[in-house]
């Protein structure tokens, strides 16, 4: 149907109509007899009627092709909902605690760099057609992003505790998820500030017997809702680890790990440019990505750096102590498993209010 939402022909549709009219004109039957009898001063009545009918038919075709089409039913623009989970260890330039928390002398500068890398993803997503974007501030206290720097139609999930953890606010209505500033897992011998959820407390996190990264865990959470992860940025160890687990997602390498506290990094500006290009590339092939789904029920294992947490948590029904430092919990789905992890990571009897 040649119409736009308000029923006015577009230039391309108008040209198509002209072509159809020409085809119709050329295809119209033509009599072999002359229109006029040279021995007479006027057209024969039968020829006059034939010619009149032909011209009327061609005029009707012309009017049908050139007049604006009947307005279409109102076309609702397709919604494209994007979720962006943001951590900080994988941001360009981050190498030590000096950049990662309020007590660090470079923290305020690196909050800006973290915000700018996220903005690069947001702006690229919007340029690619995103109509709704939710960002999860998922580093430290969950209050690192400079929220006044974002477009007014973006929503931001902040602070803890929250259902969904680093994916708080995600649901099945989203079309895709992205990770900004992610890092390698605690079981990876490489990677800047490599850890899984808690660098202070956890030595291993496993799903169904396989050690996972934060990215893989979060992708499994998203996958349980039918949402694919399509893009991630971080150091070379983090992006390599994620591709090996999630498949050929789009990734941007912000730095090369030289050690736990050292890296060869690109500049913040270069990182933003690469992230922008990577997000656009990922969204251009959105249909290529599949949700990352783990088998249910899900068996979670947490290995602690100390003995006592494993001992005390084993008092809970449904929790089994596997060895001196490890507990096992079986959840019916990733939501239940994630809630358990959030409890373990956030509970403190001295919490107030």
Protein backbone atom coordinates (compact mmCIF):
# COMPACT_ATOMS: atom_id res chain seq x y z
CA UNK A 1 0.00 0.00 0.00
CA UNK A 2 1.50 3.32 -1.07
CA UNK A 3 0.88 5.44 1.98
CA UNK A 4 2.57 6.84 4.99
CA UNK A 5 0.85 7.20 8.39
CA UNK A 6 -1.08 10.31 7.27
CA UNK A 7 -2.07 8.95 3.85
CA UNK A 8 0.23 11.15 1.73
CA UNK A 9 2.24 9.48 -1.00
CA UNK A 10 5.99 9.50 -0.44
CA UNK A 11 8.27 10.52 -3.37
CA UNK A 12 9.17 6.90 -3.98
CA UNK A 13 5.51 5.85 -3.99
CA UNK A 14 4.61 8.73 -6.31
CA UNK A 15 7.28 7.64 -8.80
CA UNK A 16 5.99 4.08 -8.60
CA UNK A 17 2.51 5.28 -9.49
CA UNK A 18 3.79 7.17 -12.50
CA UNK A 19 5.52 3.99 -13.72
CA UNK A 20 2.28 2.03 -13.27
CA UNK A 21 0.35 4.65 -15.22
CA UNK A 22 2.82 4.49 -18.12
CA UNK A 23 2.57 0.70 -18.14
CA UNK A 24 -1.23 0.91 -18.17
CA UNK A 25 -1.14 3.44 -21.01
CA UNK A 26 1.15 1.31 -23.12
CA UNK A 27 -0.92 -1.79 -22.45
CA UNK A 28 -4.25 -0.21 -23.43
CA UNK A 29 -5.77 -1.83 -26.59
CA UNK A 30 -5.53 0.26 -29.78
CA UNK A 31 -7.78 -0.32 -32.83
CA UNK A 32 -6.12 -0.91 -36.19
CA UNK A 33 -8.73 1.27 -37.98
CA UNK A 34 -8.08 5.03 -38.09
CA UNK A 35 -9.95 7.17 -35.69
CA UNK A 36 -11.27 9.31 -38.55
CA UNK A 37 -12.80 8.30 -41.84
CA UNK A 38 -11.01 10.63 -44.30
CA UNK A 39 -14.07 10.75 -46.52
CA UNK A 40 -16.15 12.16 -43.69
CA UNK A 41 -15.86 15.33 -41.62
CA UNK A 42 -16.34 13.64 -38.23
CA UNK A 43 -15.62 10.47 -36.31
CA UNK A 44 -17.89 7.48 -36.79
CA UNK A 45 -20.29 7.00 -33.80
CA UNK A 46 -18.89 3.57 -32.89
CA UNK A 47 -15.32 4.89 -32.98
CA UNK A 48 -16.31 7.90 -30.89
CA UNK A 49 -17.87 5.70 -28.22
CA UNK A 50 -14.79 3.39 -28.18
CA UNK A 51 -12.36 6.26 -27.89
CA UNK A 52 -14.41 7.94 -25.16
CA UNK A 53 -14.54 4.73 -23.11
CA UNK A 54 -10.80 4.22 -23.49
CA UNK A 55 -9.97 7.76 -22.37
CA UNK A 56 -12.35 7.48 -19.41
CA UNK A 57 -10.68 4.24 -18.31
CA UNK A 58 -7.17 5.71 -18.57
CA UNK A 59 -8.30 8.81 -16.67
CA UNK A 60 -9.64 6.62 -13.87
CA UNK A 61 -6.31 4.76 -13.71
CA UNK A 62 -4.41 8.06 -13.61
CA UNK A 63 -6.54 9.44 -10.79
CA UNK A 64 -6.26 6.22 -8.78
CA UNK A 65 -2.48 6.20 -9.09
CA UNK A 66 -1.74 9.87 -8.52
CA UNK A 67 -4.23 10.92 -5.87
CA UNK A 68 -3.15 10.43 -2.22
CA UNK A 69 -3.85 6.95 -1.01
CA UNK A 70 -6.56 6.27 1.53
CA UNK A 71 -5.02 6.95 4.92
CA UNK A 72 -3.59 3.86 6.52
CA UNK A 73 -4.54 2.84 9.99
CA UNK A 74 -2.33 4.78 12.39
CA UNK A 75 1.05 3.11 12.42
CA UNK A 76 2.62 2.84 15.88
CA UNK A 77 6.43 3.20 15.78
CA UNK A 78 8.16 0.00 16.81
CA UNK A 79 9.44 0.13 20.35
CA UNK A 80 13.05 -0.82 21.02
CA UNK A 81 13.85 -1.21 24.73
CA UNK A 82 17.49 -1.40 25.76
CA UNK A 83 18.95 -2.24 29.18
CA UNK A 84 22.50 -1.13 30.04
CA UNK A 85 24.30 -2.53 33.09
CA UNK A 86 27.34 -0.47 34.06
CA UNK A 87 30.32 -1.48 36.18
CA UNK A 88 33.55 0.47 36.66
CA UNK A 89 36.57 -1.83 36.71
CA UNK A 90 36.41 -2.22 32.92
CA UNK A 91 36.27 1.50 32.16
CA UNK A 92 39.26 2.83 30.20
CA UNK A 93 42.08 3.89 32.53
CA UNK A 94 40.84 2.14 35.68
CA UNK A 95 43.64 0.12 37.33
CA UNK A 96 43.47 0.51 41.12
CA UNK A 97 41.20 1.53 43.99
CA UNK A 98 42.32 5.13 43.39
CA UNK A 99 39.72 5.31 40.63
CA UNK A 100 37.01 3.07 42.09
CA UNK A 101 35.59 4.61 45.26
CA UNK A 102 34.88 7.91 47.00
CA UNK A 103 38.13 7.70 48.97
CA UNK A 104 40.23 7.43 45.81
CA UNK A 105 41.92 10.61 44.66
CA UNK A 106 40.88 9.99 41.03
CA UNK A 107 37.33 8.77 41.69
CA UNK A 108 35.52 11.99 40.69
CA UNK A 109 37.34 12.13 37.35
CA UNK A 110 36.63 8.48 36.65
CA UNK A 111 32.96 8.86 37.52
CA UNK A 112 32.87 11.24 34.57
CA UNK A 113 34.71 8.77 32.35
CA UNK A 114 32.28 6.02 33.43
CA UNK A 115 29.34 8.31 32.72
CA UNK A 116 30.74 9.29 29.31
CA UNK A 117 31.24 5.66 28.23
CA UNK A 118 27.65 4.94 29.24
CA UNK A 119 26.44 8.04 27.39
CA UNK A 120 28.27 6.83 24.28
CA UNK A 121 26.23 3.63 24.44
CA UNK A 122 23.00 5.53 25.13
CA UNK A 123 23.45 7.96 22.24
CA UNK A 124 24.42 5.19 19.83
CA UNK A 125 21.38 3.15 20.87
CA UNK A 126 19.10 6.13 20.36
CA UNK A 127 20.61 6.79 16.94
CA UNK A 128 19.91 3.15 16.08
CA UNK A 129 16.24 3.49 17.03
CA UNK A 130 16.06 2.79 20.77
CA UNK A 131 12.85 4.24 22.18
CA UNK A 132 13.35 3.33 25.84
CA UNK A 133 16.58 2.90 27.81
CA UNK A 134 17.13 1.81 31.42
CA UNK A 135 20.60 2.04 32.95
CA UNK A 136 21.73 0.10 35.99
CA UNK A 137 24.42 1.78 38.11
CA UNK A 138 26.05 -1.45 39.24
CA UNK A 139 29.41 -0.51 40.73
CA UNK A 140 30.26 -0.18 44.40
CA UNK A 141 27.45 1.60 46.22
CA UNK A 142 25.44 1.87 43.01
CA UNK A 143 25.74 5.66 43.03
CA UNK A 144 28.66 6.38 40.71
CA UNK A 145 26.99 7.59 37.51
CA UNK A 146 26.38 11.33 37.13
CA UNK A 147 22.68 11.08 36.46
CA UNK A 148 22.22 14.73 35.45
CA UNK A 149 24.32 14.08 32.35
CA UNK A 150 21.82 11.69 30.76
CA UNK A 151 18.91 12.48 28.42
CA UNK A 152 15.72 13.20 30.33
CA UNK A 153 13.90 10.16 28.92
CA UNK A 154 16.49 7.69 30.31
CA UNK A 155 15.77 5.94 33.61
CA UNK A 156 18.52 4.91 36.03
CA UNK A 157 18.51 2.15 38.66
CA UNK A 158 20.65 3.10 41.67
CA UNK A 159 21.89 1.73 45.03
CA UNK A 160 21.30 -1.57 46.85
CA UNK A 161 19.79 -3.96 47.76
CA UNK A 162 17.51 -4.69 44.81
CA UNK A 163 15.96 -7.69 43.12
CA UNK A 164 17.96 -8.54 40.03
CA UNK A 165 21.24 -7.19 41.40
CA UNK A 166 23.29 -5.73 38.55
CA UNK A 167 20.27 -6.34 36.30
CA UNK A 168 17.73 -4.67 38.59
CA UNK A 169 14.72 -3.36 36.67
CA UNK A 170 15.12 -5.77 33.76
CA UNK A 171 12.04 -7.64 32.56
CA UNK A 172 10.90 -9.59 29.52
CA UNK A 173 9.77 -6.46 27.64
CA UNK A 174 13.36 -5.48 26.84
CA UNK A 175 14.80 -6.30 23.42
CA UNK A 176 18.46 -6.42 24.41
CA UNK A 177 20.96 -5.89 27.24
CA UNK A 178 24.45 -4.38 27.17
CA UNK A 179 27.37 -4.34 29.60
CA UNK A 180 29.66 -1.33 30.04
CA UNK A 181 32.89 -1.40 32.09
CA UNK A 182 32.80 -5.13 32.93
CA UNK A 183 35.76 -7.11 34.27
CA UNK A 184 37.06 -10.69 34.33
CA UNK A 185 36.06 -13.32 36.88
CA UNK A 186 37.72 -14.18 40.18
CA UNK A 187 38.85 -17.54 38.75
CA UNK A 188 40.63 -15.90 35.80
CA UNK A 189 44.41 -15.52 36.35
CA UNK A 190 44.28 -12.44 34.12
CA UNK A 191 42.28 -9.24 34.26
CA UNK A 192 42.38 -5.83 35.95
CA UNK A 193 40.67 -6.06 39.34
CA UNK A 194 39.24 -9.48 38.38
CA UNK A 195 36.55 -10.68 40.78
CA UNK A 196 33.02 -12.06 40.85
CA UNK A 197 30.54 -9.92 42.81
CA UNK A 198 32.72 -9.52 45.90
CA UNK A 199 36.49 -9.17 45.69
CA UNK A 200 36.61 -9.24 49.51
CA UNK A 201 34.54 -12.36 50.15
CA UNK A 202 34.15 -14.71 47.18
CA UNK A 203 36.73 -16.94 45.51
CA UNK A 204 34.34 -18.65 43.06
CA UNK A 205 30.76 -18.45 41.80
CA UNK A 206 29.42 -21.37 39.78
CA UNK A 207 26.17 -22.16 37.96
CA UNK A 208 25.38 -25.82 37.31
CA UNK A 209 28.98 -26.75 38.12
CA UNK A 210 30.68 -24.14 35.90
CA UNK A 211 32.55 -21.14 37.31
CA UNK A 212 31.04 -17.95 35.91
CA UNK A 213 31.87 -14.29 35.50
CA UNK A 214 29.55 -11.53 36.63
CA UNK A 215 28.78 -11.03 32.95
CA UNK A 216 27.83 -14.66 32.40
CA UNK A 217 25.71 -14.73 35.58
CA UNK A 218 23.93 -11.55 34.52
CA UNK A 219 23.47 -12.85 30.98
CA UNK A 220 21.85 -16.00 32.42
CA UNK A 221 19.52 -13.80 34.48
CA UNK A 222 18.61 -11.82 31.35
CA UNK A 223 18.29 -15.04 29.35
CA UNK A 224 15.75 -16.42 31.80
CA UNK A 225 13.58 -13.46 30.78
CA UNK A 226 14.24 -14.00 27.09
CA UNK A 227 16.55 -10.99 26.77
CA UNK A 228 19.85 -11.43 24.85
CA UNK A 229 23.10 -9.71 25.77
CA UNK A 230 24.45 -8.15 22.57
CA UNK A 231 27.37 -5.93 23.63
CA UNK A 232 30.05 -5.65 26.32
CA UNK A 233 33.06 -3.45 27.00
CA UNK A 234 35.98 -4.06 29.34
CA UNK A 235 39.60 -5.18 29.35
CA UNK A 236 40.90 -7.89 27.03
CA UNK A 237 40.53 -10.64 29.65
CA UNK A 238 36.90 -9.69 30.34
CA UNK A 239 35.81 -9.44 26.71
CA UNK A 240 37.59 -12.68 25.78
CA UNK A 241 35.94 -14.47 28.70
CA UNK A 242 32.47 -13.18 27.77
CA UNK A 243 32.78 -14.15 24.10
CA UNK A 244 33.88 -17.64 25.12
CA UNK A 245 30.75 -18.05 27.26
CA UNK A 246 28.08 -16.05 25.42
CA UNK A 247 29.17 -16.47 21.81
CA UNK A 248 30.02 -13.80 19.20
CA UNK A 249 28.57 -10.74 20.93
CA UNK A 250 29.96 -7.33 20.01
CA UNK A 251 32.76 -6.29 22.37
CA UNK A 252 35.06 -3.31 22.85
CA UNK A 253 38.46 -3.69 24.49
CA UNK A 254 39.17 -0.65 26.64
CA UNK A 255 42.61 -1.81 27.83
CA UNK A 256 45.03 -4.72 27.88
CA UNK A 257 45.57 -6.27 31.28
CA UNK A 258 49.19 -6.32 32.40
CA UNK A 259 48.33 -7.48 35.91
CA UNK A 260 45.70 -7.23 38.63
CA UNK A 261 46.57 -3.56 39.13
CA UNK A 262 48.10 -2.55 35.78
CA UNK A 263 47.05 -2.15 32.17
CA UNK A 264 47.86 -0.61 28.83
CA UNK A 265 44.78 1.54 28.28
CA UNK A 266 43.23 3.54 25.49
CA UNK A 267 42.09 7.07 26.26
CA UNK A 268 38.59 7.85 27.54
CA UNK A 269 37.75 9.62 24.27
CA UNK A 270 38.89 6.67 22.16
CA UNK A 271 36.92 4.30 24.38
CA UNK A 272 33.73 6.31 23.88
CA UNK A 273 34.19 6.28 20.11
CA UNK A 274 34.73 2.52 20.07
CA UNK A 275 31.74 1.88 22.33
CA UNK A 276 29.52 4.02 20.12
CA UNK A 277 30.58 2.10 17.02
CA UNK A 278 30.22 -1.25 18.78
CA UNK A 279 26.70 -0.52 20.01
CA UNK A 280 25.59 0.60 16.55
CA UNK A 281 27.07 -2.56 15.05
CA UNK A 282 25.34 -4.78 17.62
CA UNK A 283 21.94 -3.18 17.07
CA UNK A 284 22.31 -3.41 13.30
CA UNK A 285 22.30 -7.20 13.65
CA UNK A 286 19.99 -7.55 16.64
CA UNK A 287 18.27 -10.61 15.18
CA UNK A 288 21.57 -12.52 15.22
CA UNK A 289 21.65 -12.73 19.02
CA UNK A 290 20.02 -15.34 21.20
CA UNK A 291 19.23 -15.25 24.90
CA UNK A 292 21.76 -17.11 27.07
CA UNK A 293 19.77 -19.71 28.99
CA UNK A 294 20.99 -22.10 31.70
CA UNK A 295 19.20 -25.31 32.60
CA UNK A 296 16.72 -25.20 35.47
CA UNK A 297 16.59 -25.84 38.36
CA UNK A 298 19.84 -23.90 38.75
CA UNK A 299 22.57 -25.15 41.06
CA UNK A 300 24.55 -22.29 42.60
CA UNK A 301 27.86 -22.77 44.38
CA UNK A 302 29.62 -20.01 46.31
CA UNK A 303 33.18 -20.43 47.52
CA UNK A 304 34.21 -17.99 50.25
CA UNK A 305 37.67 -16.78 51.12
CA UNK A 306 36.98 -17.54 54.79
CA UNK A 307 35.52 -20.51 56.67
CA UNK A 308 32.85 -18.85 58.79
CA UNK A 309 30.42 -17.65 56.08
CA UNK A 310 30.18 -21.18 54.67
CA UNK A 311 29.58 -22.64 58.13
CA UNK A 312 26.84 -20.19 59.15
CA UNK A 313 25.01 -20.22 55.80
CA UNK A 314 24.86 -24.02 55.97
CA UNK A 315 22.46 -23.62 58.94
CA UNK A 316 19.80 -22.48 56.45
CA UNK A 317 17.46 -25.16 55.13
CA UNK A 318 18.13 -25.66 51.44
CA UNK A 319 21.82 -24.80 51.76
CA UNK A 320 24.46 -27.53 51.72
CA UNK A 321 28.05 -27.10 52.77
CA UNK A 322 30.10 -28.76 50.01
CA UNK A 323 33.56 -28.24 51.55
CA UNK A 324 35.23 -26.01 54.11
CA UNK A 325 34.71 -22.85 52.04
CA UNK A 326 31.86 -23.73 49.66
CA UNK A 327 28.07 -23.88 49.91
CA UNK A 328 25.46 -25.08 47.43
CA UNK A 329 21.97 -23.73 46.85
CA UNK A 330 19.48 -24.98 44.25
CA UNK A 331 16.99 -22.43 42.92
CA UNK A 332 14.01 -23.05 40.70
CA UNK A 333 15.19 -20.30 38.32
CA UNK A 334 17.74 -17.51 37.94
CA UNK A 335 15.52 -15.05 39.80
CA UNK A 336 15.58 -17.24 42.90
CA UNK A 337 19.31 -17.82 42.57
CA UNK A 338 19.99 -14.13 42.15
CA UNK A 339 17.91 -13.27 45.22
CA UNK A 340 20.00 -15.71 47.23
CA UNK A 341 23.23 -14.10 46.01
CA UNK A 342 21.86 -10.66 46.85
CA UNK A 343 21.03 -11.84 50.35
CA UNK A 344 24.51 -13.30 50.89
CA UNK A 345 26.24 -10.22 49.50
CA UNK A 346 24.15 -7.63 51.33
CA UNK A 347 22.99 -9.07 54.64
CA UNK A 348 24.51 -7.57 57.76
CA UNK A 349 22.86 -7.88 61.19
CA UNK A 350 24.01 -4.35 61.98
CA UNK A 351 22.14 -2.84 59.05
CA UNK A 352 19.98 0.18 59.76
CA UNK A 353 17.37 1.56 59.60
